[in-house]
Amino acid sequence: MKADAAAQQLLLDLQKLDTKAAQLDHRESTLPQKQTLADLKVRIQRLHDEHVAAVVIARDLERDQARAESDVEQVRERSTKDQQLLDSGAISDPKQLVNLQHELQSLARRQGELEDVELEAMERVEGAQAAVRQLAGQHAEAVVEGEAIEAEIAALVLEINAERHNTIADRNELKPRIPADLIALYEKIRIDGGGVGAAHLHRGQCQGCRLQLPPNEIEALRATPEDEVVRCEECRRILVRNAESGL
């Protein structure tokens, strides 16, 4: 294939733009903030799940506390009634009086035991409610942090898209200045060559694969017309020569 040497030189400018576009794509896909956000979302979900579980536990403990309070209240009411009966003097039978006194003593012991249970239940509820508040606060803070990171990512993507837009515009302006058949060859090689279709030949070295050409190939290139499109024997990319190539 033949192409004007100046057109071949333009391939290097085109390659720079394509390389920049690829770098912008890579930059966007590998923004460290994205991984930070992904990790944070995992933490947010974990905190949400832990908060839900803590709420369930707290509610169960609150029901236990309510039952304990109810048990204590029942014993108190029974003790109050018995004490009122005892104080009323309505019972004159000594045996009944003794039994009533024994029952009051038994109720007092039972009330003490139940109040201990009630106090323990209250402490468990307070601990569970504190855990609920703590997890809710941590979840809220993580959500706010996530929103801030999302805003930061959006700003960075906006910046990258602006650069990408300019790069595409420059490429669209440059492309028509290069022969269609040369562009077609370049595009095919670029797809097969990991994004690089043309490379500068500098001081006998292909800047695409960094291979130093052997002396016989260099001599052959010196004898090759400037409008002849040549390719690297190693990486098969288009080799762009100029007066500064060292040939």
Protein backbone atom coordinates (compact mmCIF):
# COMPACT_ATOMS: atom_id res chain seq x y z
CA MET A 1 0.00 0.00 0.00
CA LYS A 2 1.16 3.51 -0.79
CA ALA A 3 0.27 6.72 1.03
CA ASP A 4 1.78 10.16 1.13
CA ALA A 5 4.42 10.45 3.87
CA ALA A 6 2.56 13.39 5.39
CA ALA A 7 -0.60 11.30 5.60
CA GLN A 8 1.35 8.57 7.34
CA GLN A 9 2.61 11.12 9.84
CA LEU A 10 -1.00 12.02 10.59
CA LEU A 11 -1.51 8.41 11.71
CA LEU A 12 0.66 9.17 14.73
CA ASP A 13 -1.59 12.08 15.65
CA LEU A 14 -4.61 9.83 15.19
CA GLN A 15 -2.98 7.17 17.34
CA LYS A 16 -2.34 9.71 20.10
CA LEU A 17 -6.03 10.62 20.11
CA ASP A 18 -7.11 6.96 20.16
CA THR A 19 -4.66 6.23 22.95
CA LYS A 20 -5.99 9.20 24.91
CA ALA A 21 -9.58 7.98 24.41
CA ALA A 22 -8.60 4.53 25.66
CA GLN A 23 -6.88 6.07 28.66
CA LEU A 24 -9.99 8.10 29.45
CA ASP A 25 -12.13 4.95 29.28
CA HIS A 26 -9.68 3.15 31.57
CA ARG A 27 -9.57 6.09 33.96
CA GLU A 28 -13.36 6.18 34.20
CA SER A 29 -13.69 2.43 34.74
CA THR A 30 -10.95 2.33 37.38
CA LEU A 31 -11.78 5.42 39.43
CA PRO A 32 -10.72 4.50 42.99
CA GLN A 33 -13.85 6.23 44.25
CA LYS A 34 -15.93 3.56 42.51
CA GLN A 35 -14.31 0.78 44.52
CA THR A 36 -14.64 2.87 47.67
CA LEU A 37 -18.34 3.31 46.93
CA ALA A 38 -18.79 -0.40 46.20
CA ASP A 39 -17.17 -1.30 49.53
CA LEU A 40 -19.27 1.32 51.29
CA LYS A 41 -22.49 -0.03 49.77
CA VAL A 42 -21.63 -3.46 51.20
CA ARG A 43 -21.14 -1.82 54.60
CA ILE A 44 -24.40 0.12 54.26
CA GLN A 45 -26.29 -3.09 53.51
CA ARG A 46 -24.62 -4.86 56.43
CA LEU A 47 -25.50 -1.99 58.78
CA HIS A 48 -29.08 -2.04 57.48
CA ASP A 49 -29.36 -5.78 58.12
CA GLU A 50 -27.82 -5.43 61.58
CA HIS A 51 -30.16 -2.55 62.39
CA VAL A 52 -33.22 -4.57 61.34
CA ALA A 53 -32.03 -7.51 63.45
CA ALA A 54 -31.37 -5.19 66.41
CA VAL A 55 -34.87 -3.73 66.12
CA VAL A 56 -36.38 -7.23 66.17
CA ILE A 57 -34.33 -8.14 69.24
CA ALA A 58 -35.29 -4.90 70.99
CA ARG A 59 -38.98 -5.48 70.33
CA ASP A 60 -38.76 -9.03 71.67
CA LEU A 61 -37.03 -7.76 74.80
CA GLU A 62 -39.62 -5.00 75.18
CA ARG A 63 -42.34 -7.67 75.14
CA ASP A 64 -40.40 -9.61 77.77
CA GLN A 65 -40.18 -6.45 79.86
CA ALA A 66 -43.90 -5.82 79.46
CA ARG A 67 -44.66 -9.35 80.66
CA ALA A 68 -42.32 -8.92 83.62
CA GLU A 69 -44.00 -5.61 84.53
CA SER A 70 -47.41 -7.25 84.23
CA ASP A 71 -46.33 -10.10 86.51
CA VAL A 72 -45.04 -7.64 89.12
CA GLU A 73 -48.24 -5.59 88.93
CA GLN A 74 -50.40 -8.66 89.45
CA VAL A 75 -48.45 -9.65 92.56
CA ARG A 76 -48.63 -6.07 93.86
CA GLU A 77 -52.38 -5.96 93.38
CA ARG A 78 -52.77 -9.30 95.18
CA SER A 79 -50.56 -8.11 98.03
CA THR A 80 -52.50 -4.86 98.30
CA LYS A 81 -55.82 -6.71 98.51
CA ASP A 82 -54.51 -9.15 101.10
CA GLN A 83 -53.00 -6.33 103.14
CA GLN A 84 -56.27 -4.42 103.01
CA LEU A 85 -58.12 -7.53 104.10
CA LEU A 86 -55.68 -8.04 106.94
CA ASP A 87 -55.92 -4.42 108.04
CA SER A 88 -59.70 -4.38 107.86
CA GLY A 89 -60.07 -6.70 110.83
CA ALA A 90 -62.70 -8.65 108.96
CA ILE A 91 -60.91 -11.95 109.66
CA SER A 92 -61.18 -13.09 113.26
CA ASP A 93 -60.13 -16.70 112.80
CA PRO A 94 -56.51 -17.00 114.02
CA LYS A 95 -55.74 -19.75 111.54
CA GLN A 96 -56.99 -17.67 108.63
CA LEU A 97 -54.98 -14.72 109.89
CA VAL A 98 -51.81 -16.84 110.02
CA ASN A 99 -52.46 -18.16 106.51
CA LEU A 100 -53.04 -14.64 105.22
CA GLN A 101 -49.83 -13.42 106.80
CA HIS A 102 -47.92 -16.36 105.28
CA GLU A 103 -49.41 -15.53 101.89
CA LEU A 104 -48.35 -11.89 102.24
CA GLN A 105 -44.81 -13.00 103.03
CA SER A 106 -44.83 -15.38 100.08
CA LEU A 107 -46.14 -12.61 97.81
CA ALA A 108 -43.43 -10.23 99.06
CA ARG A 109 -40.72 -12.78 98.17
CA ARG A 110 -42.36 -13.40 94.81
CA GLN A 111 -42.60 -9.67 94.15
CA GLY A 112 -38.90 -9.25 94.94
CA GLU A 113 -38.00 -12.05 92.53
CA LEU A 114 -40.21 -10.64 89.80
CA GLU A 115 -38.84 -7.13 90.31
CA ASP A 116 -35.33 -8.53 89.83
CA VAL A 117 -36.53 -10.11 86.58
CA GLU A 118 -38.17 -6.82 85.60
CA LEU A 119 -34.99 -4.85 86.33
CA GLU A 120 -32.91 -7.30 84.31
CA ALA A 121 -35.38 -7.04 81.44
CA MET A 122 -35.24 -3.24 81.58
CA GLU A 123 -31.43 -3.33 81.39
CA ARG A 124 -31.54 -5.67 78.40
CA VAL A 125 -34.05 -3.40 76.68
CA GLU A 126 -31.90 -0.33 77.33
CA GLY A 127 -28.87 -2.11 75.86
CA ALA A 128 -30.83 -3.27 72.84
CA GLN A 129 -32.27 0.19 72.23
CA ALA A 130 -28.79 1.71 72.49
CA ALA A 131 -27.59 -0.77 69.87
CA VAL A 132 -30.50 0.19 67.62
CA ARG A 133 -29.64 3.89 67.94
CA GLN A 134 -25.97 3.27 67.33
CA LEU A 135 -26.58 1.17 64.21
CA ALA A 136 -29.13 3.67 62.91
CA GLY A 137 -26.59 6.46 63.33
CA GLN A 138 -23.81 4.50 61.64
CA HIS A 139 -26.13 3.60 58.76
CA ALA A 140 -27.19 7.22 58.31
CA GLU A 141 -23.57 8.41 58.35
CA ALA A 142 -22.58 5.76 55.79
CA VAL A 143 -25.46 6.76 53.51
CA VAL A 144 -24.39 10.42 53.65
CA GLU A 145 -20.80 9.38 52.92
CA GLY A 146 -22.01 7.31 49.98
CA GLU A 147 -23.96 10.24 48.56
CA ALA A 148 -20.85 12.41 48.80
CA ILE A 149 -18.75 9.81 46.97
CA GLU A 150 -21.43 9.45 44.30
CA ALA A 151 -21.36 13.21 43.77
CA GLU A 152 -17.56 13.11 43.52
CA ILE A 153 -17.73 10.30 40.94
CA ALA A 154 -20.35 12.19 38.94
CA ALA A 155 -18.09 15.28 38.85
CA LEU A 156 -15.08 13.22 37.74
CA VAL A 157 -17.11 11.43 35.05
CA LEU A 158 -18.37 14.79 33.82
CA GLU A 159 -14.78 15.98 33.55
CA ILE A 160 -13.72 12.80 31.73
CA ASN A 161 -16.66 13.04 29.35
CA ALA A 162 -15.67 16.60 28.48
CA GLU A 163 -12.15 15.42 27.63
CA ARG A 164 -13.60 12.50 25.68
CA HIS A 165 -15.86 14.85 23.73
CA ASN A 166 -12.90 17.04 22.78
CA THR A 167 -10.84 14.01 21.82
CA ILE A 168 -13.60 12.66 19.59
CA ALA A 169 -14.03 16.08 17.99
CA ASP A 170 -10.29 16.29 17.26
CA ARG A 171 -10.36 12.79 15.82
CA ASN A 172 -13.33 13.56 13.59
CA GLU A 173 -11.50 16.64 12.32
CA LEU A 174 -8.29 14.71 11.63
CA LYS A 175 -9.68 11.52 10.10
CA PRO A 176 -10.81 13.01 6.73
CA ARG A 177 -7.23 14.18 6.10
CA ILE A 178 -6.00 10.59 5.95
CA PRO A 179 -6.70 8.33 2.94
CA ALA A 180 -9.59 5.92 3.51
CA ASP A 181 -7.58 2.79 2.65
CA LEU A 182 -4.85 3.79 5.11
CA ILE A 183 -7.46 4.46 7.78
CA ALA A 184 -9.04 1.06 7.14
CA LEU A 185 -5.67 -0.71 7.52
CA TYR A 186 -4.90 1.28 10.66
CA GLU A 187 -8.27 0.48 12.24
CA LYS A 188 -7.90 -3.25 11.54
CA ILE A 189 -4.42 -3.34 13.02
CA ARG A 190 -5.51 -1.23 16.00
CA ILE A 191 -8.31 -3.66 16.84
CA ASP A 192 -5.97 -6.64 16.55
CA GLY A 193 -3.05 -4.85 18.20
CA GLY A 194 -4.52 -3.94 21.56
CA GLY A 195 -5.49 -0.41 20.60
CA VAL A 196 -2.28 0.52 18.75
CA GLY A 197 -2.37 0.53 14.94
CA ALA A 198 0.56 2.78 14.12
CA ALA A 199 3.90 3.38 15.80
CA HIS A 200 6.80 5.72 15.29
CA LEU A 201 10.06 4.24 14.05
CA HIS A 202 12.71 5.98 16.12
CA ARG A 203 16.44 5.27 15.81
CA GLY A 204 15.74 1.86 14.39
CA GLN A 205 13.27 0.88 17.13
CA CYS A 206 9.53 0.24 16.73
CA GLN A 207 7.81 2.30 19.41
CA GLY A 208 4.85 -0.11 19.31
CA CYS A 209 6.60 -3.28 20.49
CA ARG A 210 9.93 -1.65 21.44
CA LEU A 211 11.78 -4.07 19.17
CA GLN A 212 15.12 -2.91 17.77
CA LEU A 213 15.14 -3.69 14.08
CA PRO A 214 18.09 -5.72 12.80
CA PRO A 215 20.59 -3.90 10.55
CA ASN A 216 19.41 -5.63 7.39
CA GLU A 217 15.82 -4.45 7.92
CA ILE A 218 17.01 -0.93 8.59
CA GLU A 219 18.96 -0.98 5.33
CA ALA A 220 15.88 -2.26 3.52
CA LEU A 221 13.78 0.55 4.97
CA ARG A 222 16.34 3.13 3.83
CA ALA A 223 15.79 1.91 0.32
CA THR A 224 12.00 1.88 0.64
CA PRO A 225 10.18 4.87 -0.91
CA GLU A 226 8.70 7.34 1.60
CA ASP A 227 5.19 6.76 0.28
CA GLU A 228 5.40 3.02 0.87
CA VAL A 229 3.44 1.91 3.94
CA VAL A 230 5.68 -0.41 5.94
CA ARG A 231 4.92 -2.58 8.94
CA CYS A 232 6.89 -3.93 11.88
CA GLU A 233 7.92 -7.53 11.30
CA GLU A 234 7.35 -8.30 14.99
CA CYS A 235 4.05 -6.61 15.96
CA ARG A 236 2.73 -5.93 12.41
CA ARG A 237 1.85 -2.33 13.26
CA ILE A 238 2.29 0.40 10.70
CA LEU A 239 5.75 1.91 11.05
CA VAL A 240 5.74 5.66 10.53
CA ARG A 241 9.11 6.98 9.36
CA ASN A 242 10.43 10.50 9.20
CA ALA A 243 13.70 12.30 8.84
CA GLU A 244 14.28 11.99 12.60
CA SER A 245 13.83 8.22 12.64
CA GLY A 246 17.55 7.71 12.40
CA LEU A 247 17.42 5.77 9.09
